[in-house]
Amino acid sequence: MAKAAKGFTHITGGLLAETAARRGTPADILIEDGIIRAVGPNLEAPEGTTEVDASGMLLHPGLINAHTHGHTGLGKGQLDKVTLELLLATAPWIGGSRTTEDKKLSTLICAAEMIAKGCTAAYDLYYEFPLPTQEGFAAAAEAYAEAGMRAVIAPMVADRSFYEAIPGLYEALPEALQKPVDRLKLLPWQQTLAAIEAILKNWRWAGEDILPAVAPTIPLHCADAFMCGCARLAKEHGIGLHSHVGESKVQAVVGRKTYGKTLIAHMDGLGLLGPNFTAAHAVWLDDDDFRRMADHGASMAHNPGSNMRLGNGMFRLRQALDAGCNVGIGTDGATCADNQNMYEAMRYASMLSKVQTPDPRCWATSDEVYRAATLGSAKALGFKDLGLLAPGYKADIVFLDLGSINWIPHHWSTNQIVHTEDGNGVRHVMTGGTFVFRDGRHTMIDLAKLAREAEAARARLEALNAEWRDLYRKLEPIVGSFCPAIAAQPYHLKRYLCDAPA
């Protein structure tokens, strides 16, 4: 990330967005060596302090993306009308043939968008086939460092291919399609664990707040011994463990049949739940699952845009919060949400909590959504000093232009951040007291160069992956009917709009 600004910086004239106040509170912020030292009116600053005039601006802590995939940056905008299972089937086509340079470029595309839209930290589940590599993860880390972001980057791993994880799916394929699908089989999990361990032992980015984690991608895609091995590595290295749990109804139904219990109950039985564990999506978690998550101090990453885009159903935000669960908010990847806009993710999270019942007492408030996208996500990432503009917290600050149409008029700061702001009001962004985005422009990324490189990579990868594209077109009608048939089976939880009583 950007090096923390040395010395003192004094921000004056701005309004601070706070959940305790309806309108932004006039206050100064005094920063020393990238850390907020004082917040309040008319602060005195030492001689030689860098002065920043924030007049006409509303300040809020950098938003924190609790779940994304940097490897998808080069794949945005290619898909429509795909379920999660169809999305998984596109992986060789959308994400294949990447060079190390492509991997860095893809992550940098995501990082550039997040920064421009007020996000300063992200939990990135990064995928490489057939194994995670030190070179690939160094490339992703370099991208975040060059962009000026903090990040937690987790190898997203499995030992069963998608076609092996869904019972009967492989057998439903014609023999002519089974053979190319066999090329997607994964290596024994022991090799994958060894590859992850090599990455962890050689990690050199922690000093820049770019940290590693481990992500067994979906329980059904991982043998129990493999998931336990991932948990062991996370515990040994004191890092996070992150998995997609109950994202789709297919996962929920198959999980119950496979394990005789819910996915969360199964993972709890394996000893995987704890304060360092994050369940991504969690759409199909029931009340008992929420209780287990809360009891273990675990987190959930709510990705409302992706959940709607893939038809996975509606996360029960109100119930999760009432159960005492920590909830962060994420965008998910650029192939299934299509943007990395945390303002949009907050707006979606608020709206989805409200469309599920006509009783406003059961809705999440805008302040609860705002806290989820800041402090809730920070906890999911494992940061105790992000998500708040207060002494002792890192000076990751977003400056919103109150002259933007989103803020004309300005009534209720946090409510308008959630429901009105869309990224167009972002004037400046700091990480560690250093401007990484100033006057509407990146200070660390050459966006024109990024666009040229992305277009060249797009054209090259489109040609290289044509074979996989053609295979997907043959697989699509089979996967697209087989998996929805599983989702049509009964489950004790209803999370679709069409399941709601009239």
Protein backbone atom coordinates (compact mmCIF):
# COMPACT_ATOMS: atom_id res chain seq x y z
CA MET A 1 0.00 0.00 0.00
CA ALA A 2 1.01 3.65 -0.07
CA LYS A 3 3.66 4.40 2.51
CA ALA A 4 2.14 6.07 5.56
CA ALA A 5 2.71 9.80 5.51
CA LYS A 6 5.54 10.74 7.89
CA GLY A 7 5.14 13.56 10.33
CA PHE A 8 1.93 15.39 11.13
CA THR A 9 -1.05 16.08 8.88
CA HIS A 10 -3.88 18.34 10.02
CA ILE A 11 -7.26 18.08 8.26
CA THR A 12 -9.53 21.03 8.91
CA GLY A 13 -12.89 22.36 7.78
CA GLY A 14 -14.59 19.04 7.07
CA LEU A 15 -17.60 17.25 8.49
CA LEU A 16 -17.21 13.75 9.98
CA ALA A 17 -19.84 11.11 9.22
CA GLU A 18 -20.82 9.45 12.50
CA THR A 19 -23.65 7.09 13.34
CA ALA A 20 -24.25 9.03 16.56
CA ALA A 21 -25.11 12.25 14.70
CA ARG A 22 -27.66 12.87 11.98
CA ARG A 23 -25.52 15.37 10.08
CA GLY A 24 -21.76 15.32 9.78
CA THR A 25 -19.98 16.77 12.82
CA PRO A 26 -17.51 19.64 12.29
CA ALA A 27 -14.12 18.40 13.50
CA ASP A 28 -10.43 18.45 12.74
CA ILE A 29 -8.33 15.31 12.36
CA LEU A 30 -4.69 15.26 13.46
CA ILE A 31 -2.61 12.47 11.93
CA GLU A 32 0.90 11.42 12.93
CA ASP A 33 2.85 8.93 10.82
CA GLY A 34 -0.33 7.62 9.23
CA ILE A 35 -2.23 7.15 12.53
CA ILE A 36 -5.07 9.34 13.75
CA ARG A 37 -3.90 10.97 17.00
CA ALA A 38 -6.79 13.32 17.73
CA VAL A 39 -10.26 14.19 16.47
CA GLY A 40 -12.18 17.26 17.57
CA PRO A 41 -12.85 20.94 17.04
CA ASN A 42 -10.01 23.48 16.66
CA LEU A 43 -7.14 21.06 17.22
CA GLU A 44 -3.68 22.55 17.57
CA ALA A 45 -0.99 21.14 15.31
CA PRO A 46 2.80 21.19 15.76
CA GLU A 47 4.90 23.52 13.67
CA GLY A 48 5.69 22.11 10.24
CA THR A 49 2.42 20.14 10.04
CA THR A 50 0.99 19.51 6.57
CA GLU A 51 -2.36 21.27 6.36
CA VAL A 52 -5.29 19.82 4.38
CA ASP A 53 -8.40 21.95 3.83
CA ALA A 54 -11.51 19.75 3.77
CA SER A 55 -14.03 22.59 3.55
CA GLY A 56 -17.20 21.53 1.75
CA MET A 57 -16.44 17.85 2.29
CA LEU A 58 -17.85 14.99 4.34
CA LEU A 59 -15.26 12.55 5.68
CA HIS A 60 -15.80 8.87 6.39
CA PRO A 61 -13.43 5.94 7.05
CA GLY A 62 -12.35 3.99 4.01
CA LEU A 63 -14.91 1.33 3.17
CA ILE A 64 -13.71 -2.25 3.57
CA ASN A 65 -14.64 -4.96 1.09
CA ALA A 66 -15.20 -8.18 3.05
CA HIS A 67 -15.19 -10.46 0.00
CA THR A 68 -13.89 -10.12 -3.54
CA HIS A 69 -11.75 -11.94 -6.13
CA GLY A 70 -8.89 -10.01 -7.71
CA HIS A 71 -8.39 -12.65 -10.38
CA THR A 72 -11.74 -11.65 -11.93
CA GLY A 73 -10.78 -8.09 -12.87
CA LEU A 74 -9.99 -9.05 -16.47
CA GLY A 75 -13.29 -10.94 -16.80
CA LYS A 76 -15.86 -8.27 -16.01
CA GLY A 77 -18.95 -7.87 -18.17
CA GLN A 78 -18.77 -11.19 -20.02
CA LEU A 79 -21.74 -13.03 -18.54
CA ASP A 80 -25.50 -12.71 -18.19
CA LYS A 81 -28.16 -15.05 -16.80
CA VAL A 82 -25.72 -17.36 -15.01
CA THR A 83 -26.27 -19.18 -11.76
CA LEU A 84 -23.39 -19.73 -9.36
CA GLU A 85 -22.95 -23.21 -10.81
CA LEU A 86 -22.83 -21.89 -14.37
CA LEU A 87 -20.33 -19.27 -13.23
CA LEU A 88 -18.10 -22.04 -11.86
CA ALA A 89 -18.36 -23.79 -15.23
CA THR A 90 -17.07 -20.66 -17.00
CA ALA A 91 -13.84 -20.54 -14.96
CA PRO A 92 -11.46 -22.08 -17.55
CA TRP A 93 -12.85 -19.78 -20.25
CA ILE A 94 -13.05 -16.54 -18.24
CA GLY A 95 -9.92 -17.06 -16.15
CA GLY A 96 -7.65 -19.37 -18.12
CA SER A 97 -4.23 -18.89 -19.76
CA ARG A 98 -3.13 -16.09 -17.42
CA THR A 99 0.50 -15.03 -17.24
CA THR A 100 1.93 -13.64 -14.01
CA GLU A 101 1.61 -10.17 -15.55
CA ASP A 102 -2.06 -10.84 -16.29
CA LYS A 103 -2.64 -11.81 -12.67
CA LYS A 104 -1.19 -8.54 -11.43
CA LEU A 105 -3.12 -6.57 -14.05
CA SER A 106 -6.40 -8.24 -13.14
CA THR A 107 -5.96 -7.40 -9.46
CA LEU A 108 -4.91 -3.85 -10.25
CA ILE A 109 -8.11 -3.29 -12.24
CA CYS A 110 -10.17 -4.27 -9.17
CA ALA A 111 -8.03 -2.19 -6.83
CA ALA A 112 -8.26 0.89 -9.04
CA GLU A 113 -12.04 0.73 -9.03
CA MET A 114 -12.28 0.14 -5.30
CA ILE A 115 -10.09 3.13 -4.46
CA ALA A 116 -11.97 5.44 -6.83
CA LYS A 117 -15.19 4.38 -5.08
CA GLY A 118 -14.07 4.93 -1.53
CA CYS A 119 -12.73 1.49 -0.56
CA THR A 120 -9.29 1.21 1.04
CA ALA A 121 -9.04 -2.47 2.10
CA ALA A 122 -10.29 -5.80 0.75
CA TYR A 123 -10.44 -9.52 1.52
CA ASP A 124 -9.38 -11.14 -1.77
CA LEU A 125 -9.93 -14.86 -2.42
CA TYR A 126 -7.48 -15.38 -5.25
CA TYR A 127 -7.56 -18.40 -7.55
CA GLU A 128 -4.85 -20.11 -9.58
CA PHE A 129 -5.11 -23.43 -11.40
CA PRO A 130 -3.99 -26.09 -10.67
CA LEU A 131 -2.07 -24.80 -7.63
CA PRO A 132 -1.53 -21.46 -5.90
CA THR A 133 1.94 -20.13 -6.65
CA GLN A 134 4.31 -17.79 -4.88
CA GLU A 135 4.70 -15.83 -8.11
CA GLY A 136 0.97 -15.39 -8.57
CA PHE A 137 0.36 -14.24 -5.02
CA ALA A 138 3.32 -11.89 -5.14
CA ALA A 139 1.78 -10.39 -8.28
CA ALA A 140 -1.56 -9.83 -6.52
CA ALA A 141 0.17 -8.33 -3.48
CA GLU A 142 2.22 -6.02 -5.69
CA ALA A 143 -0.96 -4.82 -7.36
CA TYR A 144 -2.54 -3.81 -4.04
CA ALA A 145 0.71 -2.21 -2.88
CA GLU A 146 1.06 -0.20 -6.07
CA ALA A 147 -2.57 0.92 -5.91
CA GLY A 148 -2.27 2.05 -2.30
CA MET A 149 -4.67 -0.41 -0.68
CA ARG A 150 -4.57 -2.71 2.31
CA ALA A 151 -5.60 -6.31 1.62
CA VAL A 152 -5.93 -9.82 2.94
CA ILE A 153 -5.18 -12.26 0.11
CA ALA A 154 -6.17 -15.92 0.46
CA PRO A 155 -5.36 -18.80 -1.89
CA MET A 156 -8.79 -20.09 -2.94
CA VAL A 157 -8.31 -23.85 -3.13
CA ALA A 158 -10.12 -27.16 -3.58
CA ASP A 159 -9.29 -30.80 -4.21
CA ARG A 160 -12.50 -31.68 -6.07
CA SER A 161 -13.52 -30.10 -9.32
CA PHE A 162 -16.96 -28.55 -9.63
CA TYR A 163 -18.09 -31.60 -11.63
CA GLU A 164 -16.98 -33.95 -8.86
CA ALA A 165 -18.47 -31.86 -6.05
CA ILE A 166 -22.09 -32.04 -7.27
CA PRO A 167 -23.25 -35.67 -7.06
CA GLY A 168 -24.40 -37.03 -10.41
CA LEU A 169 -23.32 -34.05 -12.47
CA TYR A 170 -20.26 -35.70 -14.02
CA GLU A 171 -22.28 -38.81 -14.85
CA ALA A 172 -24.92 -36.63 -16.52
CA LEU A 173 -22.35 -35.40 -19.05
CA PRO A 174 -21.98 -37.18 -22.39
CA GLU A 175 -18.70 -39.07 -22.67
CA ALA A 176 -17.50 -36.55 -25.25
CA LEU A 177 -17.74 -33.84 -22.60
CA GLN A 178 -16.38 -35.92 -19.73
CA LYS A 179 -12.97 -36.13 -21.35
CA PRO A 180 -12.29 -32.38 -21.56
CA VAL A 181 -13.78 -31.91 -18.08
CA ASP A 182 -11.29 -34.47 -16.78
CA ARG A 183 -8.57 -31.92 -17.56
CA LEU A 184 -10.00 -29.79 -14.77
CA LYS A 185 -9.35 -32.34 -12.03
CA LEU A 186 -7.31 -30.98 -9.15
CA LEU A 187 -4.15 -32.28 -7.54
CA PRO A 188 -4.13 -34.23 -4.25
CA TRP A 189 -4.84 -31.90 -1.36
CA GLN A 190 -1.49 -32.61 0.26
CA GLN A 191 0.24 -30.89 -2.68
CA THR A 192 -2.05 -27.90 -2.41
CA LEU A 193 -1.39 -27.54 1.32
CA ALA A 194 2.34 -27.67 0.64
CA ALA A 195 1.96 -24.92 -1.97
CA ILE A 196 -0.01 -22.74 0.46
CA GLU A 197 2.55 -23.30 3.20
CA ALA A 198 5.35 -22.18 0.87
CA ILE A 199 3.44 -18.98 0.14
CA LEU A 200 2.88 -18.31 3.85
CA LYS A 201 6.49 -18.97 4.82
CA ASN A 202 7.77 -16.57 2.18
CA TRP A 203 5.21 -13.79 2.64
CA ARG A 204 6.93 -10.40 2.73
CA TRP A 205 4.04 -7.94 2.56
CA ALA A 206 2.79 -7.89 6.15
CA GLY A 207 4.63 -4.63 6.88
CA GLU A 208 2.44 -2.97 4.25
CA ASP A 209 -0.79 -4.34 5.70
CA ILE A 210 -1.12 -6.86 2.88
CA LEU A 211 -1.68 -10.09 4.74
CA PRO A 212 -2.22 -13.72 3.76
CA ALA A 213 -5.14 -15.99 4.68
CA VAL A 214 -6.42 -19.41 3.57
CA ALA A 215 -9.64 -20.10 1.65
CA PRO A 216 -10.92 -23.65 1.11
CA THR A 217 -13.33 -22.45 -1.53
CA ILE A 218 -16.58 -24.38 -0.85
CA PRO A 219 -16.93 -27.22 1.69
CA LEU A 220 -18.37 -29.60 -0.92
CA HIS A 221 -15.32 -29.01 -3.10
CA CYS A 222 -12.93 -29.98 -0.31
CA ALA A 223 -12.33 -33.23 1.55
CA ASP A 224 -12.75 -32.89 5.30
CA ALA A 225 -9.06 -33.64 5.82
CA PHE A 226 -8.18 -30.88 3.38
CA MET A 227 -10.37 -28.31 5.15
CA CYS A 228 -8.87 -29.31 8.48
CA GLY A 229 -5.40 -28.93 6.95
CA CYS A 230 -6.30 -25.41 5.80
CA ALA A 231 -7.54 -24.60 9.30
CA ARG A 232 -4.33 -25.95 10.80
CA LEU A 233 -2.23 -23.70 8.56
CA ALA A 234 -4.39 -20.69 9.45
CA LYS A 235 -4.00 -21.39 13.16
CA GLU A 236 -0.25 -21.99 12.94
CA HIS A 237 0.30 -18.72 11.09
CA GLY A 238 -2.30 -16.71 13.02
CA ILE A 239 -4.25 -15.77 9.90
CA GLY A 240 -7.81 -15.88 8.58
CA LEU A 241 -9.85 -18.77 7.18
CA HIS A 242 -12.52 -17.92 4.60
CA SER A 243 -14.97 -20.12 2.70
CA HIS A 244 -18.10 -19.81 0.55
CA VAL A 245 -20.79 -21.38 2.75
CA GLY A 246 -24.44 -21.69 1.83
CA GLU A 247 -24.07 -19.36 -1.13
CA SER A 248 -26.57 -21.21 -3.33
CA LYS A 249 -29.46 -23.53 -2.59
CA VAL A 250 -27.63 -26.22 -4.54
CA GLN A 251 -24.87 -26.08 -1.92
CA ALA A 252 -27.39 -26.18 0.92
CA VAL A 253 -29.35 -29.15 -0.45
CA VAL A 254 -26.28 -31.17 -1.42
CA GLY A 255 -24.56 -30.32 1.85
CA ARG A 256 -27.49 -31.62 3.90
CA LYS A 257 -27.58 -34.86 1.89
CA THR A 258 -23.80 -35.31 2.04
CA TYR A 259 -23.20 -34.55 5.70
CA GLY A 260 -26.60 -35.19 7.26
CA LYS A 261 -26.52 -31.65 8.69
CA THR A 262 -26.09 -28.09 7.49
CA LEU A 263 -22.76 -26.96 6.07
CA ILE A 264 -22.07 -24.75 9.10
CA ALA A 265 -22.95 -27.57 11.52
CA HIS A 266 -20.57 -29.83 9.62
CA MET A 267 -17.76 -27.27 9.66
CA ASP A 268 -18.39 -26.65 13.35
CA GLY A 269 -18.03 -30.37 13.97
CA LEU A 270 -14.65 -30.26 12.24
CA GLY A 271 -13.52 -27.42 14.51
CA LEU A 272 -13.27 -24.84 11.73
CA LEU A 273 -15.38 -22.08 13.26
CA GLY A 274 -13.68 -19.38 15.30
CA PRO A 275 -12.96 -15.64 15.45
CA ASN A 276 -10.70 -15.91 12.40
CA PHE A 277 -13.36 -17.63 10.25
CA THR A 278 -15.49 -15.88 7.64
CA ALA A 279 -18.41 -17.48 5.82
CA ALA A 280 -18.96 -15.77 2.49
CA HIS A 281 -22.57 -15.19 1.34
CA ALA A 282 -24.28 -17.31 4.07
CA VAL A 283 -27.62 -16.98 2.25
CA TRP A 284 -28.81 -20.47 3.21
CA LEU A 285 -27.81 -20.42 6.89
CA ASP A 286 -30.62 -21.13 9.34
CA ASP A 287 -31.12 -19.80 12.88
CA ASP A 288 -29.04 -22.57 14.41
CA ASP A 289 -26.22 -21.77 11.97
CA PHE A 290 -26.37 -18.11 13.00
CA ARG A 291 -26.17 -19.14 16.65
CA ARG A 292 -23.11 -21.27 15.97
CA MET A 293 -21.42 -18.42 14.10
CA ALA A 294 -22.17 -15.93 16.88
CA ASP A 295 -21.04 -18.32 19.63
CA HIS A 296 -17.66 -18.72 17.89
CA GLY A 297 -17.22 -15.01 17.16
CA ALA A 298 -17.05 -15.80 13.44
CA SER A 299 -17.91 -13.38 10.64
CA MET A 300 -20.12 -13.40 7.56
CA ALA A 301 -19.43 -11.53 4.32
CA HIS A 302 -22.73 -10.33 2.86
CA ASN A 303 -22.48 -9.87 -0.91
CA PRO A 304 -25.93 -8.64 -1.96
CA GLY A 305 -25.07 -7.69 -5.55
CA SER A 306 -23.66 -11.10 -6.36
CA ASN A 307 -26.43 -12.91 -4.50
CA MET A 308 -29.01 -11.20 -6.71
CA ARG A 309 -26.94 -11.40 -9.90
CA LEU A 310 -26.56 -15.18 -9.60
CA GLY A 311 -30.08 -15.81 -8.29
CA ASN A 312 -28.82 -17.24 -5.02
CA GLY A 313 -31.45 -15.71 -2.77
CA MET A 314 -31.69 -13.17 0.03
CA PHE A 315 -29.36 -13.06 3.02
CA ARG A 316 -31.17 -12.49 6.33
CA LEU A 317 -29.24 -9.46 7.53
CA ARG A 318 -31.67 -8.47 10.31
CA GLN A 319 -31.71 -11.97 11.78
CA ALA A 320 -27.92 -12.31 11.57
CA LEU A 321 -27.38 -9.05 13.43
CA ASP A 322 -30.02 -9.92 16.03
CA ALA A 323 -28.27 -13.26 16.61
CA GLY A 324 -25.09 -11.37 17.49
CA CYS A 325 -23.16 -12.27 14.34
CA ASN A 326 -20.47 -10.02 12.95
CA VAL A 327 -21.42 -9.11 9.38
CA GLY A 328 -19.19 -7.42 6.82
CA ILE A 329 -20.20 -6.33 3.34
CA GLY A 330 -18.49 -7.28 0.09
CA THR A 331 -18.84 -6.81 -3.64
CA ASP A 332 -17.76 -10.30 -4.70
CA GLY A 333 -15.81 -10.66 -7.94
CA ALA A 334 -16.04 -8.68 -11.15
CA THR A 335 -17.53 -11.62 -13.06
CA CYS A 336 -20.56 -12.00 -10.81
CA ALA A 337 -21.30 -8.54 -9.42
CA ASP A 338 -19.55 -6.83 -12.26
CA ASN A 339 -18.32 -3.86 -10.29
CA GLN A 340 -16.34 -3.27 -7.12
CA ASN A 341 -18.53 -0.47 -5.80
CA MET A 342 -18.98 -0.70 -2.04
CA TYR A 343 -21.49 2.14 -2.04
CA GLU A 344 -23.69 0.05 -4.31
CA ALA A 345 -23.14 -3.00 -2.10
CA MET A 346 -24.31 -1.03 0.94
CA ARG A 347 -27.38 0.24 -0.88
CA TYR A 348 -28.24 -3.29 -2.03
CA ALA A 349 -27.73 -4.64 1.52
CA SER A 350 -30.17 -2.09 2.89
CA MET A 351 -32.77 -2.65 0.18
CA LEU A 352 -32.62 -6.44 0.42
CA SER A 353 -33.24 -6.34 4.16
CA LYS A 354 -36.38 -4.31 3.49
CA VAL A 355 -37.89 -6.23 0.59
CA GLN A 356 -38.23 -9.44 2.64
CA THR A 357 -41.04 -8.27 4.91
CA PRO A 358 -43.51 -5.39 5.09
CA ASP A 359 -42.69 -4.90 8.79
CA PRO A 360 -40.10 -2.11 9.21
CA ARG A 361 -39.15 -3.48 12.62
CA CYS A 362 -37.50 -6.37 10.79
CA TRP A 363 -35.40 -4.18 8.50
CA ALA A 364 -31.74 -3.27 8.93
CA THR A 365 -31.07 0.42 9.50
CA SER A 366 -28.75 2.45 7.31
CA ASP A 367 -26.42 2.90 10.30
CA GLU A 368 -26.21 -0.88 10.74
CA VAL A 369 -25.33 -1.29 7.07
CA TYR A 370 -22.73 1.50 7.32
CA ARG A 371 -21.14 -0.17 10.36
CA ALA A 372 -21.08 -3.51 8.53
CA ALA A 373 -19.16 -1.98 5.60
CA THR A 374 -16.61 -0.41 7.94
CA LEU A 375 -16.11 -1.97 11.38
CA GLY A 376 -17.86 -5.24 10.50
CA SER A 377 -15.69 -5.80 7.45
CA ALA A 378 -12.57 -4.73 9.36
CA LYS A 379 -13.23 -7.47 11.91
CA ALA A 380 -13.70 -10.02 9.13
CA LEU A 381 -10.31 -9.01 7.68
CA GLY A 382 -8.70 -9.20 11.11
CA PHE A 383 -7.87 -5.47 11.45
CA LYS A 384 -8.54 -3.84 14.82
CA ASP A 385 -7.44 -0.37 13.72
CA LEU A 386 -9.53 0.21 10.60
CA GLY A 387 -13.11 1.28 10.00
CA LEU A 388 -13.38 4.32 12.27
CA LEU A 389 -12.14 7.92 12.32
CA ALA A 390 -10.91 7.92 15.91
CA PRO A 391 -7.60 8.17 17.78
CA GLY A 392 -5.44 5.08 17.35
CA TYR A 393 -7.02 4.12 14.02
CA LYS A 394 -5.16 4.24 10.74
CA ALA A 395 -5.82 7.34 8.68
CA ASP A 396 -7.74 5.71 5.84
CA ILE A 397 -10.12 8.52 4.96
CA VAL A 398 -12.57 9.21 2.15
CA PHE A 399 -13.46 12.83 1.31
CA LEU A 400 -16.91 13.24 -0.28
CA ASP A 401 -17.69 16.43 -2.17
CA LEU A 402 -20.80 18.02 -0.66
CA GLY A 403 -21.19 19.95 -3.91
CA SER A 404 -21.93 16.66 -5.68
CA ILE A 405 -25.56 16.17 -6.65
CA ASN A 406 -25.66 13.20 -4.27
CA TRP A 407 -25.38 15.68 -1.39
CA ILE A 408 -27.73 18.41 -2.53
CA PRO A 409 -29.30 18.79 -0.01
CA HIS A 410 -27.35 17.18 2.83
CA HIS A 411 -29.75 15.92 5.49
CA TRP A 412 -28.46 12.71 7.10
CA SER A 413 -24.83 11.78 6.55
CA THR A 414 -24.62 8.03 7.10
CA ASN A 415 -28.06 7.44 5.59
CA GLN A 416 -27.03 9.26 2.40
CA ILE A 417 -23.71 7.39 2.26
CA VAL A 418 -25.73 4.16 2.18
CA HIS A 419 -28.68 5.20 0.04
CA THR A 420 -27.50 8.11 -2.14
CA GLU A 421 -23.75 8.03 -2.66
CA ASP A 422 -22.63 5.99 -5.67
CA GLY A 423 -18.93 6.85 -5.92
CA ASN A 424 -19.39 9.98 -8.00
CA GLY A 425 -19.00 12.16 -4.91
CA VAL A 426 -15.53 10.83 -4.03
CA ARG A 427 -13.06 13.73 -4.21
CA HIS A 428 -10.04 12.34 -2.33
CA VAL A 429 -9.00 9.07 -0.70
CA MET A 430 -6.19 8.63 1.84
CA THR A 431 -4.59 5.46 3.12
CA GLY A 432 -2.28 5.96 6.07
CA GLY A 433 -2.59 9.73 5.66
CA THR A 434 -1.27 9.58 2.08
CA PHE A 435 -3.47 10.63 -0.83
CA VAL A 436 -3.91 7.67 -3.20
CA PHE A 437 -6.76 9.45 -5.00
CA ARG A 438 -6.87 13.23 -5.18
CA ASP A 439 -9.20 15.61 -6.98
CA GLY A 440 -10.90 12.68 -8.69
CA ARG A 441 -7.69 11.10 -10.03
CA HIS A 442 -5.46 8.24 -8.95
CA THR A 443 -2.09 9.33 -7.65
CA MET A 444 -0.45 5.89 -7.86
CA ILE A 445 -2.10 4.32 -10.91
CA ASP A 446 -1.81 5.43 -14.54
CA LEU A 447 -5.39 4.69 -15.58
CA ALA A 448 -4.75 5.25 -19.31
CA LYS A 449 -1.87 2.76 -19.21
CA LEU A 450 -4.04 0.33 -17.26
CA ALA A 451 -6.75 0.56 -19.94
CA ARG A 452 -4.27 -0.10 -22.75
CA GLU A 453 -2.79 -3.11 -20.99
CA ALA A 454 -6.23 -4.48 -20.14
CA GLU A 455 -7.46 -4.23 -23.71
CA ALA A 456 -4.34 -5.98 -25.04
CA ALA A 457 -4.74 -8.75 -22.46
CA ARG A 458 -8.45 -9.09 -23.24
CA ALA A 459 -7.83 -9.65 -26.94
CA ARG A 460 -5.00 -12.13 -26.33
CA LEU A 461 -6.88 -14.12 -23.66
CA GLU A 462 -10.04 -14.25 -25.77
CA ALA A 463 -8.10 -16.03 -28.50
CA LEU A 464 -6.19 -18.31 -26.12
CA ASN A 465 -9.35 -19.41 -24.29
CA ALA A 466 -11.56 -19.96 -27.34
CA GLU A 467 -11.46 -23.74 -26.80
CA TRP A 468 -12.74 -23.37 -23.23
CA ARG A 469 -15.43 -20.94 -24.37
CA ASP A 470 -16.68 -23.48 -26.88
CA LEU A 471 -16.66 -26.21 -24.21
CA TYR A 472 -18.71 -24.01 -21.87
CA ARG A 473 -21.32 -23.50 -24.57
CA LYS A 474 -21.75 -27.27 -24.76
CA LEU A 475 -21.82 -27.68 -20.97
CA GLU A 476 -24.19 -24.77 -20.32
CA PRO A 477 -27.50 -26.49 -21.18
CA ILE A 478 -26.60 -29.52 -19.04
CA VAL A 479 -25.34 -27.64 -15.98
CA GLY A 480 -28.10 -25.08 -16.49
CA SER A 481 -30.80 -27.73 -16.09
CA PHE A 482 -29.16 -30.24 -13.73
CA CYS A 483 -28.32 -27.78 -10.94
CA PRO A 484 -31.64 -25.88 -10.91
CA ALA A 485 -33.34 -29.28 -10.55
CA ILE A 486 -31.39 -29.75 -7.31
CA ALA A 487 -32.36 -26.25 -6.19
CA ALA A 488 -36.02 -27.13 -6.79
CA GLN A 489 -35.83 -29.78 -4.07
CA PRO A 490 -37.26 -28.92 -0.63
CA TYR A 491 -35.10 -27.34 2.04
CA HIS A 492 -36.13 -26.20 5.50
CA LEU A 493 -35.19 -22.58 4.76
CA LYS A 494 -36.75 -20.39 2.06
CA ARG A 495 -34.60 -17.59 0.66
CA TYR A 496 -36.10 -16.86 -2.78
CA LEU A 497 -38.63 -14.14 -3.46
CA CYS A 498 -40.74 -16.73 -5.27
CA ASP A 499 -40.83 -18.83 -2.08
CA ALA A 500 -42.43 -16.03 -0.07
CA PRO A 501 -46.09 -16.56 0.84
CA ALA A 502 -48.59 -14.48 -1.10
